[in-house]
Amino acid sequence: MISFQTLGRALGAGLLTLALAGCGGGGGGGKAGVTNVSASSLFYQATMTVTVNGSGFTDSGLNMVVEGACGPVTTITGGTDAQVQFSCKVGATGPIVPRIRDGSGTELASLRLDVPKPQVRMTVAQGERSGIILLELDANAAPITVTNFLNLVAAGHYTNTIFHRVVPGSLAQGGGFLSNLTLKPGVFTGIKLESNNGLKNLRGTIGMARGESPDSGTNQFYLNIADNPGFDYQSEANPGYAVFGSIISGIEVMDEIGKVELVSGNATFPNLPLTDVTITAAQRLK
């Protein structure tokens, strides 16, 4: 029987393979033995799969428990005496430890993993304002807001939407309108406001736009061109706006958006750029 613990970090497409060595390795005497464990799809809100290789699994009652936000654990059908797979949905970022045990509760293996923060690459097009903004999202501080944003990214919602509101020296807001100023099609449900999460409206952060009702945010977001402490949570009566991530690359693209010339005399869109600043693509990287 082998007992081991190994440290690793998921990279690239979220595949982590750990070759494990220990005493014996096999399942001598009818006992289960683990020789290799791998984990894939190690991303926030993804279904992680843990593959266990070895011998003696059929009657061992092999199971997996997880330290960290991933559950419930499911045993994937089709396992053999030499390979068993488990899955669970990742619910947070940071450390996560799957532990492989036999039916008696004896731990045979464990993986110490690190779920990365989600990242979204946003491509912006408009002359000098063209470029790529790379966002890193804080799913632990604002899980509802981040999940909503990632779902919209996955659905292709932000493609060809514009920044329809730019307040020089303050913010750039977008995500809800097409270039002809019609609403982006879709059915959107307001989400719970997560403004009291410890994150501040500092320069280079992304926040969730909303209406007068606190829980009215849907698909629109804003970028803080400068520190905006007036947007922060103050109290239940003045809840502010929810920050859910920050720009980690391309802040100069945001600054260029903040310099755009604005249309004058438009009562409906008083801070509308004279020339469209368009999000041509938004893609999740992690």
Protein backbone atom coordinates (compact mmCIF):
# COMPACT_ATOMS: atom_id res chain seq x y z
CA MET A 1 0.00 0.00 0.00
CA ILE A 2 1.31 3.42 -0.93
CA SER A 3 0.80 6.65 0.95
CA PHE A 4 2.07 9.85 -0.63
CA GLN A 5 1.38 13.53 -1.10
CA THR A 6 2.61 15.62 -4.01
CA LEU A 7 2.48 19.31 -4.82
CA GLY A 8 1.58 20.52 -8.31
CA ARG A 9 -0.07 23.36 -10.20
CA ALA A 10 -2.40 23.18 -13.22
CA LEU A 11 -1.12 24.82 -16.38
CA GLY A 12 -2.17 25.37 -19.98
CA ALA A 13 -5.43 23.59 -20.76
CA GLY A 14 -5.98 22.63 -17.15
CA LEU A 15 -4.34 19.20 -17.28
CA LEU A 16 -2.22 18.12 -14.37
CA THR A 17 -0.56 14.70 -14.38
CA LEU A 18 1.42 13.52 -11.39
CA ALA A 19 3.60 10.44 -11.77
CA LEU A 20 3.79 8.94 -8.33
CA ALA A 21 6.38 6.61 -6.90
CA GLY A 22 6.33 4.68 -3.66
CA CYS A 23 6.89 1.34 -2.04
CA GLY A 24 5.47 -1.56 -4.04
CA GLY A 25 2.97 0.36 -6.16
CA GLY A 26 0.75 -2.63 -6.92
CA GLY A 27 -2.11 -4.13 -5.04
CA GLY A 28 -0.37 -7.10 -3.51
CA GLY A 29 -2.39 -9.31 -1.16
CA GLY A 30 -5.67 -8.18 -2.77
CA LYS A 31 -5.26 -4.60 -1.56
CA ALA A 32 -5.61 -1.57 -3.79
CA GLY A 33 -2.42 0.15 -4.91
CA VAL A 34 -2.11 3.50 -6.68
CA THR A 35 0.68 4.19 -9.18
CA ASN A 36 -0.47 7.38 -10.91
CA VAL A 37 -3.04 10.15 -10.43
CA SER A 38 -3.96 12.92 -12.87
CA ALA A 39 -6.39 15.84 -12.72
CA SER A 40 -7.88 17.72 -15.68
CA SER A 41 -10.22 20.71 -16.21
CA LEU A 42 -8.92 22.44 -13.10
CA PHE A 43 -10.84 25.69 -13.67
CA TYR A 44 -13.42 27.65 -11.70
CA GLN A 45 -16.95 26.36 -12.43
CA ALA A 46 -15.56 23.50 -14.56
CA THR A 47 -16.05 19.81 -13.83
CA MET A 48 -12.69 18.51 -12.70
CA THR A 49 -11.85 14.89 -13.50
CA VAL A 50 -9.39 12.94 -11.36
CA THR A 51 -8.05 9.71 -12.91
CA VAL A 52 -6.51 7.10 -10.62
CA ASN A 53 -4.36 4.29 -12.04
CA GLY A 54 -3.08 1.24 -10.21
CA SER A 55 -4.45 -2.19 -9.35
CA GLY A 56 -6.89 -3.96 -7.07
CA PHE A 57 -9.62 -1.31 -7.40
CA THR A 58 -12.63 -3.51 -8.17
CA ASP A 59 -13.44 -4.62 -4.63
CA SER A 60 -11.56 -1.93 -2.74
CA GLY A 61 -14.39 0.59 -2.36
CA LEU A 62 -12.12 3.25 -3.84
CA ASN A 63 -13.50 6.76 -3.30
CA MET A 64 -12.47 10.40 -3.32
CA VAL A 65 -13.04 13.20 -0.85
CA VAL A 66 -11.98 16.77 -1.55
CA GLU A 67 -10.68 19.48 0.73
CA GLY A 68 -11.87 22.71 -0.86
CA ALA A 69 -14.84 23.83 -2.91
CA CYS A 70 -15.50 20.94 -5.27
CA GLY A 71 -18.54 18.76 -5.03
CA PRO A 72 -20.47 16.64 -4.91
CA VAL A 73 -18.01 13.93 -5.90
CA THR A 74 -19.21 11.45 -8.53
CA THR A 75 -17.60 8.16 -9.53
CA ILE A 76 -17.52 8.05 -13.34
CA THR A 77 -18.96 4.85 -14.78
CA GLY A 78 -16.73 2.46 -16.71
CA GLY A 79 -14.00 2.04 -14.12
CA THR A 80 -11.81 -1.05 -14.13
CA ASP A 81 -9.57 -2.90 -11.68
CA ALA A 82 -6.70 -0.71 -12.94
CA GLN A 83 -8.36 2.68 -13.43
CA VAL A 84 -11.09 4.67 -11.70
CA GLN A 85 -12.20 8.23 -12.42
CA PHE A 86 -13.95 10.75 -10.17
CA SER A 87 -15.42 14.15 -10.94
CA CYS A 88 -16.69 17.23 -9.11
CA LYS A 89 -17.54 20.81 -10.03
CA VAL A 90 -14.95 23.37 -8.93
CA GLY A 91 -16.62 26.09 -6.89
CA ALA A 92 -13.76 28.42 -5.89
CA THR A 93 -10.18 29.36 -6.70
CA GLY A 94 -7.08 28.60 -4.67
CA PRO A 95 -5.95 25.40 -2.93
CA ILE A 96 -7.90 22.19 -3.44
CA VAL A 97 -6.87 18.70 -2.27
CA PRO A 98 -8.49 15.54 -3.68
CA ARG A 99 -7.80 12.54 -1.43
CA ILE A 100 -8.10 8.97 -2.71
CA ARG A 101 -9.18 6.42 -0.10
CA ASP A 102 -10.18 2.78 0.01
CA GLY A 103 -13.35 1.43 1.58
CA SER A 104 -11.77 1.25 5.04
CA GLY A 105 -10.93 4.96 4.94
CA THR A 106 -7.20 4.44 4.43
CA GLU A 107 -5.73 7.23 2.31
CA LEU A 108 -3.85 5.90 -0.72
CA ALA A 109 -3.03 9.18 -2.48
CA SER A 110 -3.62 12.92 -2.45
CA LEU A 111 -3.03 15.82 -4.84
CA ARG A 112 -2.41 19.36 -3.69
CA LEU A 113 -3.70 21.58 -6.50
CA ASP A 114 -4.23 25.28 -7.07
CA VAL A 115 -7.31 26.47 -9.00
CA PRO A 116 -6.33 29.64 -10.94
CA LYS A 117 -8.39 32.82 -10.98
CA PRO A 118 -10.47 33.06 -14.18
CA GLN A 119 -9.07 35.26 -16.92
CA VAL A 120 -10.90 36.84 -19.85
CA ARG A 121 -9.24 38.38 -22.91
CA MET A 122 -11.26 41.26 -24.35
CA THR A 123 -10.38 42.57 -27.81
CA VAL A 124 -11.30 46.22 -28.44
CA ALA A 125 -11.31 47.91 -31.85
CA GLN A 126 -11.34 51.64 -32.68
CA GLY A 127 -8.24 53.22 -34.12
CA GLU A 128 -5.74 54.10 -31.41
CA ARG A 129 -8.12 52.61 -28.90
CA SER A 130 -7.64 49.15 -30.39
CA GLY A 131 -5.93 46.49 -28.34
CA ILE A 132 -6.40 43.68 -25.86
CA ILE A 133 -7.51 44.02 -22.26
CA LEU A 134 -6.75 41.01 -20.07
CA LEU A 135 -9.02 40.71 -17.04
CA GLU A 136 -8.49 38.56 -13.96
CA LEU A 137 -11.67 37.86 -12.00
CA ASP A 138 -12.05 37.30 -8.26
CA ALA A 139 -14.48 34.40 -8.05
CA ASN A 140 -14.02 34.00 -4.29
CA ALA A 141 -15.00 37.60 -3.49
CA ALA A 142 -17.81 37.86 -6.06
CA PRO A 143 -18.87 34.34 -7.13
CA ILE A 144 -22.33 35.29 -8.41
CA THR A 145 -21.06 38.21 -10.46
CA VAL A 146 -18.07 36.33 -11.87
CA THR A 147 -20.16 33.29 -12.80
CA ASN A 148 -22.70 35.52 -14.54
CA PHE A 149 -19.95 37.33 -16.48
CA LEU A 150 -18.23 34.07 -17.49
CA ASN A 151 -21.54 32.59 -18.67
CA LEU A 152 -22.09 35.63 -20.89
CA VAL A 153 -18.54 35.38 -22.24
CA ALA A 154 -19.05 31.69 -23.02
CA ALA A 155 -22.30 32.49 -24.83
CA GLY A 156 -20.53 35.06 -27.03
CA HIS A 157 -22.70 37.84 -25.65
CA TYR A 158 -20.05 40.56 -25.62
CA THR A 159 -19.04 40.15 -29.27
CA ASN A 160 -19.79 43.37 -31.20
CA THR A 161 -21.07 45.27 -28.17
CA ILE A 162 -19.82 48.81 -27.64
CA PHE A 163 -18.67 51.08 -24.85
CA HIS A 164 -21.77 53.27 -24.89
CA ARG A 165 -20.89 55.46 -21.89
CA VAL A 166 -17.51 57.05 -21.25
CA VAL A 167 -17.05 59.54 -18.42
CA PRO A 168 -13.60 61.09 -18.90
CA GLY A 169 -11.37 60.59 -15.90
CA SER A 170 -13.88 58.22 -14.30
CA LEU A 171 -15.24 55.17 -16.15
CA ALA A 172 -16.03 53.37 -19.40
CA GLN A 173 -19.26 51.32 -19.49
CA GLY A 174 -20.24 48.70 -22.03
CA GLY A 175 -21.60 45.25 -22.75
CA GLY A 176 -25.25 46.03 -23.38
CA PHE A 177 -25.61 47.74 -26.77
CA LEU A 178 -24.74 47.08 -30.40
CA SER A 179 -23.25 49.74 -32.66
CA ASN A 180 -26.70 50.91 -33.80
CA LEU A 181 -27.58 51.53 -30.12
CA THR A 182 -30.06 48.66 -30.00
CA LEU A 183 -29.88 46.37 -27.00
CA LYS A 184 -27.89 43.19 -27.43
CA PRO A 185 -30.52 40.41 -27.79
CA GLY A 186 -31.02 38.04 -24.89
CA VAL A 187 -33.00 37.38 -21.75
CA PHE A 188 -31.17 38.59 -18.68
CA THR A 189 -32.06 38.16 -15.03
CA GLY A 190 -30.82 40.55 -12.36
CA ILE A 191 -28.24 39.08 -10.00
CA LYS A 192 -27.63 39.65 -6.30
CA LEU A 193 -25.43 42.67 -5.63
CA GLU A 194 -22.03 41.64 -4.20
CA SER A 195 -20.63 45.10 -3.48
CA ASN A 196 -19.84 44.38 0.18
CA ASN A 197 -17.05 41.96 -0.71
CA GLY A 198 -13.94 43.89 0.31
CA LEU A 199 -13.00 44.87 -3.25
CA LYS A 200 -12.73 48.59 -4.00
CA ASN A 201 -13.43 50.64 -7.12
CA LEU A 202 -9.79 51.36 -7.80
CA ARG A 203 -8.24 52.35 -11.10
CA GLY A 204 -8.09 49.37 -13.47
CA THR A 205 -10.83 47.32 -11.83
CA ILE A 206 -14.00 46.01 -13.46
CA GLY A 207 -17.39 46.40 -11.80
CA MET A 208 -20.98 45.34 -12.44
CA ALA A 209 -23.26 48.08 -13.74
CA ARG A 210 -26.84 48.14 -12.45
CA GLY A 211 -29.99 50.21 -12.24
CA GLU A 212 -31.46 51.85 -9.16
CA SER A 213 -32.40 48.50 -7.63
CA PRO A 214 -29.37 46.86 -5.96
CA ASP A 215 -30.03 43.46 -7.54
CA SER A 216 -30.63 44.74 -11.08
CA GLY A 217 -27.21 44.05 -12.63
CA THR A 218 -27.38 41.82 -15.70
CA ASN A 219 -24.91 42.12 -18.60
CA GLN A 220 -23.36 45.59 -18.48
CA PHE A 221 -20.02 46.29 -16.80
CA TYR A 222 -17.74 49.27 -16.31
CA LEU A 223 -13.99 49.82 -16.14
CA ASN A 224 -12.67 52.23 -13.51
CA ILE A 225 -10.41 54.66 -15.36
CA ALA A 226 -9.58 56.26 -12.01
CA ASP A 227 -10.19 55.49 -8.35
CA ASN A 228 -13.92 55.87 -7.70
CA PRO A 229 -14.43 55.53 -3.92
CA GLY A 230 -17.95 56.92 -4.29
CA PHE A 231 -18.92 53.66 -6.01
CA ASP A 232 -17.84 51.53 -3.03
CA TYR A 233 -20.19 49.90 -0.54
CA GLN A 234 -21.05 52.34 2.24
CA SER A 235 -24.12 50.81 3.90
CA GLU A 236 -27.29 48.89 3.08
CA ALA A 237 -28.89 52.21 2.21
CA ASN A 238 -25.94 53.11 -0.04
CA PRO A 239 -24.66 49.75 -1.31
CA GLY A 240 -22.57 51.01 -4.22
CA TYR A 241 -21.43 48.79 -7.08
CA ALA A 242 -19.76 45.38 -7.12
CA VAL A 243 -16.13 45.10 -8.21
CA PHE A 244 -15.36 41.59 -9.43
CA GLY A 245 -11.91 41.72 -11.03
CA SER A 246 -9.11 43.85 -12.42
CA ILE A 247 -7.08 44.53 -15.55
CA ILE A 248 -3.75 42.71 -15.42
CA SER A 249 -2.65 43.67 -18.94
CA GLY A 250 -3.76 46.34 -21.41
CA ILE A 251 -4.63 49.15 -19.02
CA GLU A 252 -3.34 51.57 -21.69
CA VAL A 253 -6.22 50.42 -23.92
CA MET A 254 -8.66 51.41 -21.18
CA ASP A 255 -6.92 54.79 -20.89
CA GLU A 256 -7.35 55.39 -24.62
CA ILE A 257 -11.06 54.64 -24.35
CA GLY A 258 -11.22 57.31 -21.67
CA LYS A 259 -9.92 59.90 -24.17
CA VAL A 260 -12.60 59.31 -26.81
CA GLU A 261 -14.47 62.29 -28.26
CA LEU A 262 -18.11 62.28 -27.18
CA VAL A 263 -21.36 63.03 -29.00
CA SER A 264 -22.96 66.28 -27.86
CA GLY A 265 -26.66 66.85 -27.33
CA ASN A 266 -27.75 63.21 -27.02
CA ALA A 267 -30.13 63.17 -24.05
CA THR A 268 -30.54 59.37 -24.11
CA PHE A 269 -26.79 58.67 -24.31
CA PRO A 270 -25.10 61.78 -22.88
CA ASN A 271 -21.64 60.16 -22.72
CA LEU A 272 -21.71 58.29 -26.04
CA PRO A 273 -18.43 58.07 -27.99
CA LEU A 274 -18.57 59.85 -31.33
CA THR A 275 -16.91 56.84 -32.99
CA ASP A 276 -17.81 53.33 -31.90
CA VAL A 277 -15.41 51.62 -29.51
CA THR A 278 -16.32 47.99 -30.12
CA ILE A 279 -15.61 44.78 -28.24
CA THR A 280 -14.92 42.43 -31.16
CA ALA A 281 -14.28 39.37 -29.00
CA ALA A 282 -14.25 38.19 -25.39
CA GLN A 283 -12.67 34.84 -24.63
CA ARG A 284 -12.03 32.99 -21.39
CA LEU A 285 -8.41 31.84 -20.99
CA LYS A 286 -8.50 30.18 -17.55
